[in-house]
Amino acid sequence: MTNLTRRDRGRGQVVLACGASVAALLASALAGCSAAGGTSSASATSSSTPDDATTAIVNCYRAHGDPSFPDPVYDPGDGRWHFATSPGTAPYSTRQACQHLFPTGNASPPVPQARFQALVRLAQCIRQHGEPAWPDPDPDGSYPLPASLQTKTHAEEAALQACQRYVPSGGIDAHAAS
């Protein structure tokens, strides 16, 4: 989603470009390899960019009061894009302005069983390291936090640090319990 360019001076110029042009080049290379291997090029490029809905939410957050809202991250473990930080941490006015972009009801599909079990292990670890009220994840992989956990404390930070090995590459999603 970002396009970064750096120029180093010296004997010559080296230009590093990250973003659309590199992604397109990589997609072309992968498509060529997959054609020879007999697999679909769609599988090679499906993870190269976030889906339209995720991109729309990130752009809305940036346009409505949270300009530093981070790019989403891809988790190869479950093959999906995730928000780098929970959208629930954005200012209230930002969440209100962009709420129409989120699916309604329980539209989130359950996470794959392996990821769900990893999230349960993370919850167990956090409870064992000083946050006994930490809940198990919901079927969609998010944690419904009780009011007592909605403000980050030193104990929570210490527990998360102790359990870092269980945090999936896409991070974790947490929301206020209803």
N, C-alpha and C. Protein backbone atom coordinates (compact mmCIF):
# COMPACT_ATOMS: atom_id res chain seq x y z
N MET A 1 0.81 -1.20 0.00
CA MET A 1 0.00 0.00 0.00
C MET A 1 0.86 1.26 0.00
N THR A 2 2.10 1.13 0.45
CA THR A 2 2.96 2.29 0.44
C THR A 2 3.97 2.13 -0.67
N ASN A 3 4.51 3.23 -1.13
CA ASN A 3 5.52 3.19 -2.16
C ASN A 3 6.73 3.91 -1.62
N LEU A 4 7.77 3.16 -1.27
CA LEU A 4 8.96 3.73 -0.66
C LEU A 4 10.09 3.73 -1.67
N THR A 5 10.80 4.83 -1.73
CA THR A 5 11.94 4.92 -2.63
C THR A 5 13.12 5.48 -1.87
N ARG A 6 14.30 4.91 -2.07
CA ARG A 6 15.50 5.40 -1.40
C ARG A 6 16.61 5.47 -2.42
N ARG A 7 17.35 6.53 -2.35
CA ARG A 7 18.51 6.67 -3.24
C ARG A 7 19.76 6.77 -2.38
N ASP A 8 20.74 5.94 -2.70
CA ASP A 8 22.03 5.99 -2.02
C ASP A 8 23.04 6.57 -3.00
N ARG A 9 23.82 7.50 -2.52
CA ARG A 9 24.84 8.11 -3.37
C ARG A 9 26.17 7.40 -3.15
N GLY A 10 27.01 7.44 -4.07
CA GLY A 10 28.30 6.77 -4.00
C GLY A 10 28.78 6.59 -5.42
N ARG A 11 29.24 5.39 -5.74
CA ARG A 11 29.69 5.12 -7.10
C ARG A 11 28.56 5.22 -8.10
N GLY A 12 27.38 4.96 -7.68
CA GLY A 12 26.22 5.01 -8.57
C GLY A 12 24.99 5.21 -7.71
N GLN A 13 23.87 5.09 -8.27
CA GLN A 13 22.66 5.23 -7.50
C GLN A 13 21.98 3.87 -7.44
N VAL A 14 21.54 3.55 -6.24
CA VAL A 14 20.77 2.33 -6.05
C VAL A 14 19.38 2.77 -5.65
N VAL A 15 18.41 2.29 -6.33
CA VAL A 15 17.04 2.67 -6.03
C VAL A 15 16.30 1.43 -5.58
N LEU A 16 15.74 1.53 -4.41
CA LEU A 16 14.89 0.46 -3.90
C LEU A 16 13.46 0.93 -4.03
N ALA A 17 12.65 0.18 -4.65
CA ALA A 17 11.23 0.53 -4.76
C ALA A 17 10.42 -0.62 -4.20
N CYS A 18 9.59 -0.29 -3.24
CA CYS A 18 8.71 -1.29 -2.66
C CYS A 18 7.30 -0.84 -2.95
N GLY A 19 6.48 -1.70 -3.30
CA GLY A 19 5.09 -1.33 -3.54
C GLY A 19 4.57 -1.94 -4.81
N ALA A 20 3.79 -1.17 -5.53
CA ALA A 20 3.05 -1.69 -6.67
C ALA A 20 3.97 -2.22 -7.76
N SER A 21 5.04 -1.49 -8.09
CA SER A 21 5.88 -1.94 -9.19
C SER A 21 6.59 -3.24 -8.85
N VAL A 22 7.10 -3.37 -7.65
CA VAL A 22 7.77 -4.61 -7.26
C VAL A 22 6.75 -5.73 -7.15
N ALA A 23 5.58 -5.43 -6.60
CA ALA A 23 4.53 -6.45 -6.47
C ALA A 23 4.13 -6.95 -7.85
N ALA A 24 4.00 -6.05 -8.82
CA ALA A 24 3.62 -6.45 -10.17
C ALA A 24 4.70 -7.32 -10.80
N LEU A 25 5.95 -6.93 -10.61
CA LEU A 25 7.06 -7.70 -11.14
C LEU A 25 7.10 -9.09 -10.51
N LEU A 26 6.94 -9.14 -9.20
CA LEU A 26 6.94 -10.41 -8.49
C LEU A 26 5.76 -11.28 -8.92
N ALA A 27 4.60 -10.66 -9.08
CA ALA A 27 3.42 -11.41 -9.52
C ALA A 27 3.65 -12.00 -10.92
N SER A 28 4.28 -11.22 -11.80
CA SER A 28 4.56 -11.72 -13.14
C SER A 28 5.52 -12.89 -13.09
N ALA A 29 6.53 -12.77 -12.25
CA ALA A 29 7.51 -13.85 -12.14
C ALA A 29 6.85 -15.10 -11.57
N LEU A 30 6.04 -14.93 -10.56
CA LEU A 30 5.35 -16.07 -9.96
C LEU A 30 4.36 -16.69 -10.94
N ALA A 31 3.69 -15.86 -11.71
CA ALA A 31 2.73 -16.37 -12.69
C ALA A 31 3.45 -17.23 -13.71
N GLY A 32 4.62 -16.79 -14.13
CA GLY A 32 5.39 -17.56 -15.10
C GLY A 32 5.83 -18.89 -14.51
N CYS A 33 6.24 -18.89 -13.26
CA CYS A 33 6.65 -20.13 -12.60
C CYS A 33 5.47 -21.05 -12.41
N SER A 34 4.34 -20.48 -12.02
CA SER A 34 3.18 -21.34 -11.75
C SER A 34 2.63 -21.93 -13.03
N ALA A 35 2.76 -21.21 -14.15
CA ALA A 35 2.26 -21.76 -15.41
C ALA A 35 3.08 -23.00 -15.78
N ALA A 36 4.38 -22.95 -15.52
CA ALA A 36 5.22 -24.09 -15.82
C ALA A 36 4.94 -25.24 -14.86
N GLY A 37 4.58 -24.92 -13.62
CA GLY A 37 4.34 -25.94 -12.62
C GLY A 37 2.93 -26.49 -12.65
N GLY A 38 2.03 -25.88 -13.39
CA GLY A 38 0.69 -26.39 -13.52
C GLY A 38 -0.28 -25.89 -12.46
N THR A 39 0.11 -24.92 -11.63
CA THR A 39 -0.82 -24.39 -10.64
C THR A 39 -1.36 -23.06 -11.13
N SER A 40 -2.41 -22.65 -10.55
CA SER A 40 -3.08 -21.42 -10.97
C SER A 40 -2.30 -20.20 -10.53
N SER A 41 -2.20 -19.20 -11.40
CA SER A 41 -1.52 -17.97 -11.03
C SER A 41 -2.34 -17.18 -10.03
N ALA A 42 -3.64 -17.45 -9.93
CA ALA A 42 -4.47 -16.74 -8.95
C ALA A 42 -4.00 -17.02 -7.55
N SER A 43 -3.53 -18.26 -7.27
CA SER A 43 -3.07 -18.56 -5.92
C SER A 43 -1.77 -17.83 -5.62
N ALA A 44 -0.96 -17.55 -6.64
CA ALA A 44 0.30 -16.87 -6.42
C ALA A 44 0.09 -15.40 -6.11
N THR A 45 -0.96 -14.79 -6.64
CA THR A 45 -1.14 -13.37 -6.43
C THR A 45 -2.23 -13.03 -5.42
N SER A 46 -2.98 -14.01 -4.94
CA SER A 46 -4.11 -13.71 -4.06
C SER A 46 -3.67 -13.07 -2.75
N SER A 47 -2.45 -13.34 -2.29
CA SER A 47 -2.01 -12.78 -1.03
C SER A 47 -1.14 -11.54 -1.21
N SER A 48 -0.94 -11.09 -2.44
CA SER A 48 -0.02 -9.97 -2.66
C SER A 48 -0.60 -8.63 -2.23
N THR A 49 -1.89 -8.50 -2.20
CA THR A 49 -2.51 -7.25 -1.76
C THR A 49 -3.74 -7.55 -0.93
N PRO A 50 -4.07 -6.67 0.01
CA PRO A 50 -5.28 -6.87 0.81
C PRO A 50 -6.53 -6.80 -0.07
N ASP A 51 -7.61 -7.40 0.40
CA ASP A 51 -8.86 -7.34 -0.33
C ASP A 51 -9.40 -5.91 -0.33
N ASP A 52 -10.35 -5.64 -1.21
CA ASP A 52 -10.90 -4.30 -1.37
C ASP A 52 -11.54 -3.77 -0.08
N ALA A 53 -12.23 -4.64 0.65
CA ALA A 53 -12.91 -4.20 1.88
C ALA A 53 -11.90 -3.74 2.93
N THR A 54 -10.82 -4.49 3.10
CA THR A 54 -9.79 -4.12 4.08
C THR A 54 -9.12 -2.82 3.67
N THR A 55 -8.80 -2.68 2.40
CA THR A 55 -8.18 -1.46 1.90
C THR A 55 -9.10 -0.25 2.11
N ALA A 56 -10.39 -0.43 1.86
CA ALA A 56 -11.36 0.67 2.05
C ALA A 56 -11.42 1.10 3.51
N ILE A 57 -11.37 0.15 4.43
CA ILE A 57 -11.41 0.48 5.86
C ILE A 57 -10.16 1.26 6.25
N VAL A 58 -8.99 0.78 5.84
CA VAL A 58 -7.73 1.47 6.17
C VAL A 58 -7.75 2.90 5.61
N ASN A 59 -8.16 3.05 4.36
CA ASN A 59 -8.20 4.38 3.75
C ASN A 59 -9.21 5.29 4.46
N CYS A 60 -10.35 4.74 4.85
CA CYS A 60 -11.35 5.53 5.57
C CYS A 60 -10.80 6.00 6.92
N TYR A 61 -10.15 5.09 7.64
CA TYR A 61 -9.58 5.46 8.95
C TYR A 61 -8.56 6.59 8.77
N ARG A 62 -7.74 6.49 7.74
CA ARG A 62 -6.72 7.52 7.51
C ARG A 62 -7.36 8.85 7.14
N ALA A 63 -8.46 8.81 6.39
CA ALA A 63 -9.11 10.04 5.94
C ALA A 63 -9.99 10.68 7.03
N HIS A 64 -10.33 9.90 8.05
CA HIS A 64 -11.27 10.40 9.06
C HIS A 64 -10.67 10.42 10.47
N GLY A 65 -9.47 10.91 10.59
CA GLY A 65 -8.94 11.18 11.92
C GLY A 65 -7.84 10.29 12.43
N ASP A 66 -7.43 9.27 11.69
CA ASP A 66 -6.33 8.41 12.13
C ASP A 66 -5.35 8.22 10.97
N PRO A 67 -4.65 9.31 10.59
CA PRO A 67 -3.79 9.27 9.40
C PRO A 67 -2.64 8.27 9.49
N SER A 68 -2.28 7.84 10.69
CA SER A 68 -1.17 6.89 10.82
C SER A 68 -1.65 5.45 10.99
N PHE A 69 -2.95 5.19 10.72
CA PHE A 69 -3.45 3.82 10.84
C PHE A 69 -2.61 2.93 9.94
N PRO A 70 -2.03 1.85 10.49
CA PRO A 70 -1.05 1.07 9.71
C PRO A 70 -1.67 0.20 8.61
N ASP A 71 -0.83 -0.13 7.65
CA ASP A 71 -1.22 -1.05 6.59
C ASP A 71 -1.57 -2.40 7.21
N PRO A 72 -2.48 -3.14 6.58
CA PRO A 72 -2.78 -4.48 7.07
C PRO A 72 -1.59 -5.40 6.83
N VAL A 73 -1.56 -6.52 7.54
CA VAL A 73 -0.48 -7.50 7.41
C VAL A 73 -1.06 -8.84 6.97
N TYR A 74 -0.30 -9.55 6.18
CA TYR A 74 -0.72 -10.86 5.68
C TYR A 74 -0.21 -11.94 6.62
N ASP A 75 -1.07 -12.88 6.98
CA ASP A 75 -0.69 -14.00 7.83
C ASP A 75 -0.69 -15.26 6.96
N PRO A 76 0.48 -15.78 6.61
CA PRO A 76 0.53 -16.98 5.78
C PRO A 76 -0.05 -18.20 6.50
N GLY A 77 -0.15 -18.13 7.83
CA GLY A 77 -0.70 -19.24 8.59
C GLY A 77 -2.16 -19.50 8.29
N ASP A 78 -2.93 -18.43 8.06
CA ASP A 78 -4.34 -18.64 7.75
C ASP A 78 -4.71 -18.10 6.37
N GLY A 79 -3.73 -17.53 5.67
CA GLY A 79 -3.96 -17.07 4.31
C GLY A 79 -4.84 -15.84 4.21
N ARG A 80 -4.91 -15.05 5.29
CA ARG A 80 -5.78 -13.87 5.28
C ARG A 80 -5.00 -12.62 5.69
N TRP A 81 -5.56 -11.48 5.31
CA TRP A 81 -5.02 -10.19 5.73
C TRP A 81 -5.69 -9.81 7.04
N HIS A 82 -4.92 -9.18 7.94
CA HIS A 82 -5.42 -8.75 9.24
C HIS A 82 -4.97 -7.31 9.48
N PHE A 83 -5.72 -6.61 10.29
CA PHE A 83 -5.31 -5.26 10.68
C PHE A 83 -4.10 -5.38 11.59
N ALA A 84 -3.10 -4.52 11.38
CA ALA A 84 -1.90 -4.55 12.21
C ALA A 84 -2.23 -4.14 13.65
N THR A 85 -3.19 -3.25 13.80
CA THR A 85 -3.71 -2.89 15.11
C THR A 85 -5.23 -2.99 15.03
N SER A 86 -5.84 -3.21 16.15
CA SER A 86 -7.29 -3.36 16.16
C SER A 86 -7.95 -2.05 15.74
N PRO A 87 -8.92 -2.10 14.81
CA PRO A 87 -9.65 -0.89 14.43
C PRO A 87 -10.37 -0.26 15.63
N GLY A 88 -10.63 -1.06 16.65
CA GLY A 88 -11.29 -0.55 17.85
C GLY A 88 -10.44 0.40 18.67
N THR A 89 -9.14 0.50 18.37
CA THR A 89 -8.27 1.41 19.11
C THR A 89 -8.25 2.82 18.51
N ALA A 90 -8.88 2.99 17.36
CA ALA A 90 -8.93 4.31 16.71
C ALA A 90 -9.87 5.23 17.47
N PRO A 91 -9.74 6.53 17.27
CA PRO A 91 -10.65 7.48 17.93
C PRO A 91 -12.11 7.15 17.60
N TYR A 92 -12.99 7.43 18.52
CA TYR A 92 -14.41 7.13 18.36
C TYR A 92 -14.97 7.74 17.09
N SER A 93 -14.61 9.00 16.82
CA SER A 93 -15.14 9.67 15.63
C SER A 93 -14.72 8.95 14.35
N THR A 94 -13.51 8.40 14.34
CA THR A 94 -13.02 7.65 13.18
C THR A 94 -13.83 6.37 13.01
N ARG A 95 -14.03 5.66 14.11
CA ARG A 95 -14.80 4.40 14.05
C ARG A 95 -16.22 4.67 13.56
N GLN A 96 -16.82 5.75 14.05
CA GLN A 96 -18.18 6.09 13.64
C GLN A 96 -18.24 6.41 12.14
N ALA A 97 -17.27 7.17 11.66
CA ALA A 97 -17.27 7.57 10.25
C ALA A 97 -17.10 6.38 9.32
N CYS A 98 -16.45 5.32 9.80
CA CYS A 98 -16.13 4.19 8.93
C CYS A 98 -16.91 2.92 9.26
N GLN A 99 -17.81 2.98 10.21
CA GLN A 99 -18.51 1.76 10.63
C GLN A 99 -19.32 1.12 9.50
N HIS A 100 -19.76 1.92 8.55
CA HIS A 100 -20.55 1.38 7.44
C HIS A 100 -19.75 0.41 6.56
N LEU A 101 -18.43 0.44 6.67
CA LEU A 101 -17.59 -0.43 5.85
C LEU A 101 -17.41 -1.82 6.43
N PHE A 102 -17.77 -1.99 7.71
CA PHE A 102 -17.62 -3.28 8.36
C PHE A 102 -18.85 -4.14 8.12
N PRO A 103 -18.65 -5.45 7.99
CA PRO A 103 -19.82 -6.32 7.84
C PRO A 103 -20.68 -6.29 9.10
N THR A 104 -21.95 -6.51 8.94
CA THR A 104 -22.85 -6.49 10.08
C THR A 104 -23.07 -7.91 10.60
N GLY A 105 -23.51 -7.99 11.82
CA GLY A 105 -23.81 -9.28 12.43
C GLY A 105 -22.57 -10.11 12.62
N ASN A 106 -22.74 -11.40 12.58
CA ASN A 106 -21.62 -12.33 12.75
C ASN A 106 -21.16 -12.81 11.38
N ALA A 107 -20.78 -11.89 10.53
CA ALA A 107 -20.37 -12.24 9.18
C ALA A 107 -18.98 -12.86 9.12
N SER A 108 -18.19 -12.71 10.20
CA SER A 108 -16.84 -13.26 10.19
C SER A 108 -16.89 -14.77 10.22
N PRO A 109 -16.22 -15.42 9.28
CA PRO A 109 -16.19 -16.88 9.30
C PRO A 109 -15.29 -17.37 10.43
N PRO A 110 -15.51 -18.58 10.89
CA PRO A 110 -14.61 -19.10 11.91
C PRO A 110 -13.20 -19.22 11.35
N VAL A 111 -12.23 -19.08 12.22
CA VAL A 111 -10.84 -19.22 11.77
C VAL A 111 -10.52 -20.70 11.63
N PRO A 112 -9.51 -21.04 10.84
CA PRO A 112 -9.12 -22.44 10.72
C PRO A 112 -8.80 -23.04 12.09
N GLN A 113 -9.07 -24.31 12.25
CA GLN A 113 -8.92 -24.99 13.54
C GLN A 113 -7.52 -24.84 14.12
N ALA A 114 -6.48 -24.97 13.30
CA ALA A 114 -5.11 -24.85 13.81
C ALA A 114 -4.86 -23.47 14.39
N ARG A 115 -5.33 -22.43 13.70
CA ARG A 115 -5.14 -21.06 14.21
C ARG A 115 -5.94 -20.88 15.50
N PHE A 116 -7.17 -21.40 15.53
CA PHE A 116 -8.00 -21.27 16.73
C PHE A 116 -7.31 -21.93 17.93
N GLN A 117 -6.77 -23.12 17.73
CA GLN A 117 -6.08 -23.79 18.83
C GLN A 117 -4.85 -23.00 19.28
N ALA A 118 -4.15 -22.36 18.36
CA ALA A 118 -3.01 -21.51 18.72
C ALA A 118 -3.49 -20.32 19.55
N LEU A 119 -4.64 -19.75 19.19
CA LEU A 119 -5.17 -18.61 19.95
C LEU A 119 -5.63 -19.04 21.34
N VAL A 120 -6.15 -20.26 21.47
CA VAL A 120 -6.51 -20.79 22.79
C VAL A 120 -5.25 -20.95 23.64
N ARG A 121 -4.17 -21.49 23.04
CA ARG A 121 -2.90 -21.62 23.79
C ARG A 121 -2.38 -20.25 24.23
N LEU A 122 -2.52 -19.24 23.37
CA LEU A 122 -2.11 -17.89 23.75
C LEU A 122 -2.92 -17.42 24.95
N ALA A 123 -4.23 -17.62 24.93
CA ALA A 123 -5.09 -17.20 26.05
C ALA A 123 -4.68 -17.91 27.34
N GLN A 124 -4.40 -19.20 27.25
CA GLN A 124 -3.98 -19.95 28.43
C GLN A 124 -2.67 -19.39 28.99
N CYS A 125 -1.75 -19.09 28.11
CA CYS A 125 -0.46 -18.53 28.52
C CYS A 125 -0.65 -17.18 29.20
N ILE A 126 -1.46 -16.33 28.64
CA ILE A 126 -1.70 -15.00 29.22
C ILE A 126 -2.31 -15.13 30.61
N ARG A 127 -3.25 -16.05 30.76
CA ARG A 127 -3.85 -16.28 32.09
C ARG A 127 -2.80 -16.76 33.08
N GLN A 128 -1.92 -17.65 32.63
CA GLN A 128 -0.87 -18.19 33.51
C GLN A 128 0.18 -17.13 33.88
N HIS A 129 0.27 -16.07 33.09
CA HIS A 129 1.28 -15.03 33.32
C HIS A 129 0.68 -13.74 33.87
N GLY A 130 -0.38 -13.84 34.65
CA GLY A 130 -0.83 -12.67 35.39
C GLY A 130 -2.12 -12.01 34.97
N GLU A 131 -2.80 -12.51 33.95
CA GLU A 131 -4.09 -11.94 33.53
C GLU A 131 -5.15 -13.03 33.57
N PRO A 132 -5.60 -13.42 34.80
CA PRO A 132 -6.53 -14.54 34.92
C PRO A 132 -7.88 -14.32 34.26
N ALA A 133 -8.25 -13.08 33.97
CA ALA A 133 -9.54 -12.79 33.35
C ALA A 133 -9.48 -12.83 31.82
N TRP A 134 -8.30 -13.10 31.24
CA TRP A 134 -8.18 -13.09 29.77
C TRP A 134 -9.07 -14.20 29.20
N PRO A 135 -9.95 -13.88 28.24
CA PRO A 135 -10.89 -14.88 27.70
C PRO A 135 -10.28 -15.75 26.61
N ASP A 136 -10.96 -16.86 26.34
CA ASP A 136 -10.64 -17.65 25.16
C ASP A 136 -11.16 -16.88 23.95
N PRO A 137 -10.63 -17.17 22.76
CA PRO A 137 -11.10 -16.44 21.57
C PRO A 137 -12.51 -16.86 21.16
N ASP A 138 -13.19 -15.95 20.47
CA ASP A 138 -14.47 -16.25 19.84
C ASP A 138 -14.18 -17.11 18.60
N PRO A 139 -15.21 -17.73 18.00
CA PRO A 139 -15.00 -18.55 16.79
C PRO A 139 -14.33 -17.80 15.64
N ASP A 140 -14.50 -16.46 15.60
CA ASP A 140 -13.86 -15.70 14.52
C ASP A 140 -12.39 -15.38 14.82
N GLY A 141 -11.89 -15.83 15.98
CA GLY A 141 -10.48 -15.63 16.33
C GLY A 141 -10.21 -14.37 17.13
N SER A 142 -11.22 -13.58 17.43
CA SER A 142 -11.01 -12.36 18.21
C SER A 142 -11.26 -12.64 19.69
N TYR A 143 -10.70 -11.80 20.53
CA TYR A 143 -10.86 -11.94 21.97
C TYR A 143 -11.88 -10.92 22.48
N PRO A 144 -12.96 -11.40 23.11
CA PRO A 144 -13.95 -10.47 23.70
C PRO A 144 -13.48 -10.04 25.09
N LEU A 145 -12.90 -8.87 25.19
CA LEU A 145 -12.31 -8.43 26.45
C LEU A 145 -13.35 -7.85 27.40
N PRO A 146 -13.32 -8.30 28.66
CA PRO A 146 -14.20 -7.69 29.66
C PRO A 146 -13.73 -6.28 29.96
N ALA A 147 -14.58 -5.50 30.61
CA ALA A 147 -14.26 -4.10 30.91
C ALA A 147 -12.93 -3.97 31.65
N SER A 148 -12.63 -4.93 32.52
CA SER A 148 -11.39 -4.85 33.30
C SER A 148 -10.13 -4.94 32.45
N LEU A 149 -10.25 -5.42 31.21
CA LEU A 149 -9.08 -5.57 30.34
C LEU A 149 -9.06 -4.59 29.17
N GLN A 150 -10.00 -3.67 29.14
CA GLN A 150 -10.07 -2.76 28.00
C GLN A 150 -9.09 -1.61 28.09
N THR A 151 -8.44 -1.45 29.21
CA THR A 151 -7.37 -0.48 29.36
C THR A 151 -6.09 -1.28 29.59
N LYS A 152 -5.12 -1.10 28.73
CA LYS A 152 -3.88 -1.88 28.83
C LYS A 152 -3.14 -1.53 30.11
N THR A 153 -2.73 -2.57 30.82
CA THR A 153 -2.00 -2.40 32.08
C THR A 153 -0.60 -2.97 31.94
N HIS A 154 0.23 -2.69 32.92
CA HIS A 154 1.59 -3.24 32.94
C HIS A 154 1.53 -4.76 33.01
N ALA A 155 0.59 -5.30 33.80
CA ALA A 155 0.45 -6.76 33.92
C ALA A 155 0.11 -7.39 32.57
N GLU A 156 -0.78 -6.75 31.82
CA GLU A 156 -1.16 -7.28 30.51
C GLU A 156 0.03 -7.23 29.55
N GLU A 157 0.75 -6.13 29.56
CA GLU A 157 1.92 -6.01 28.69
C GLU A 157 2.96 -7.07 29.03
N ALA A 158 3.16 -7.31 30.34
CA ALA A 158 4.13 -8.33 30.76
C ALA A 158 3.67 -9.72 30.33
N ALA A 159 2.37 -10.01 30.47
CA ALA A 159 1.84 -11.31 30.06
C ALA A 159 1.97 -11.50 28.55
N LEU A 160 1.65 -10.48 27.78
CA LEU A 160 1.77 -10.58 26.32
C LEU A 160 3.23 -10.78 25.91
N GLN A 161 4.13 -10.11 26.61
CA GLN A 161 5.55 -10.26 26.30
C GLN A 161 6.00 -11.69 26.61
N ALA A 162 5.55 -12.23 27.75
CA ALA A 162 5.92 -13.60 28.14
C ALA A 162 5.37 -14.62 27.16
N CYS A 163 4.26 -14.31 26.52
CA CYS A 163 3.57 -15.26 25.63
C CYS A 163 3.77 -14.93 24.16
N GLN A 164 4.72 -14.09 23.84
CA GLN A 164 4.95 -13.61 22.48
C GLN A 164 5.08 -14.76 21.48
N ARG A 165 5.64 -15.88 21.91
CA ARG A 165 5.84 -17.01 20.98
C ARG A 165 4.52 -17.58 20.47
N TYR A 166 3.40 -17.30 21.16
CA TYR A 166 2.10 -17.80 20.74
C TYR A 166 1.31 -16.80 19.89
N VAL A 167 1.80 -15.57 19.78
CA VAL A 167 1.07 -14.55 19.01
C VAL A 167 1.24 -14.85 17.53
N PRO A 168 0.13 -15.02 16.78
CA PRO A 168 0.26 -15.31 15.35
C PRO A 168 0.87 -14.14 14.59
N SER A 169 1.41 -14.44 13.41
CA SER A 169 2.11 -13.41 12.64
C SER A 169 1.21 -12.23 12.29
N GLY A 170 -0.08 -12.43 12.17
CA GLY A 170 -0.99 -11.35 11.86
C GLY A 170 -1.44 -10.56 13.07
N GLY A 171 -0.91 -10.88 14.26
CA GLY A 171 -1.32 -10.20 15.48
C GLY A 171 -2.61 -10.79 16.01
N ILE A 172 -3.18 -10.11 16.98
CA ILE A 172 -4.44 -10.58 17.57
C ILE A 172 -5.48 -9.49 17.47
N ASP A 173 -6.74 -9.89 17.42
CA ASP A 173 -7.85 -8.96 17.40
C ASP A 173 -8.57 -9.05 18.73
N ALA A 174 -8.87 -7.91 19.32
CA ALA A 174 -9.60 -7.87 20.57
C ALA A 174 -10.72 -6.84 20.45
N HIS A 175 -11.82 -7.08 21.15
CA HIS A 175 -12.94 -6.15 21.13
C HIS A 175 -13.62 -6.19 22.48
N ALA A 176 -14.40 -5.18 22.75
CA ALA A 176 -15.14 -5.12 24.01
C ALA A 176 -16.18 -6.23 24.02
N ALA A 177 -16.22 -6.98 25.12
CA ALA A 177 -17.24 -8.02 25.26
C ALA A 177 -18.60 -7.38 25.37
N SER A 178 -19.58 -8.02 24.77
CA SER A 178 -20.93 -7.44 24.82
C SER A 178 -21.73 -8.02 25.96
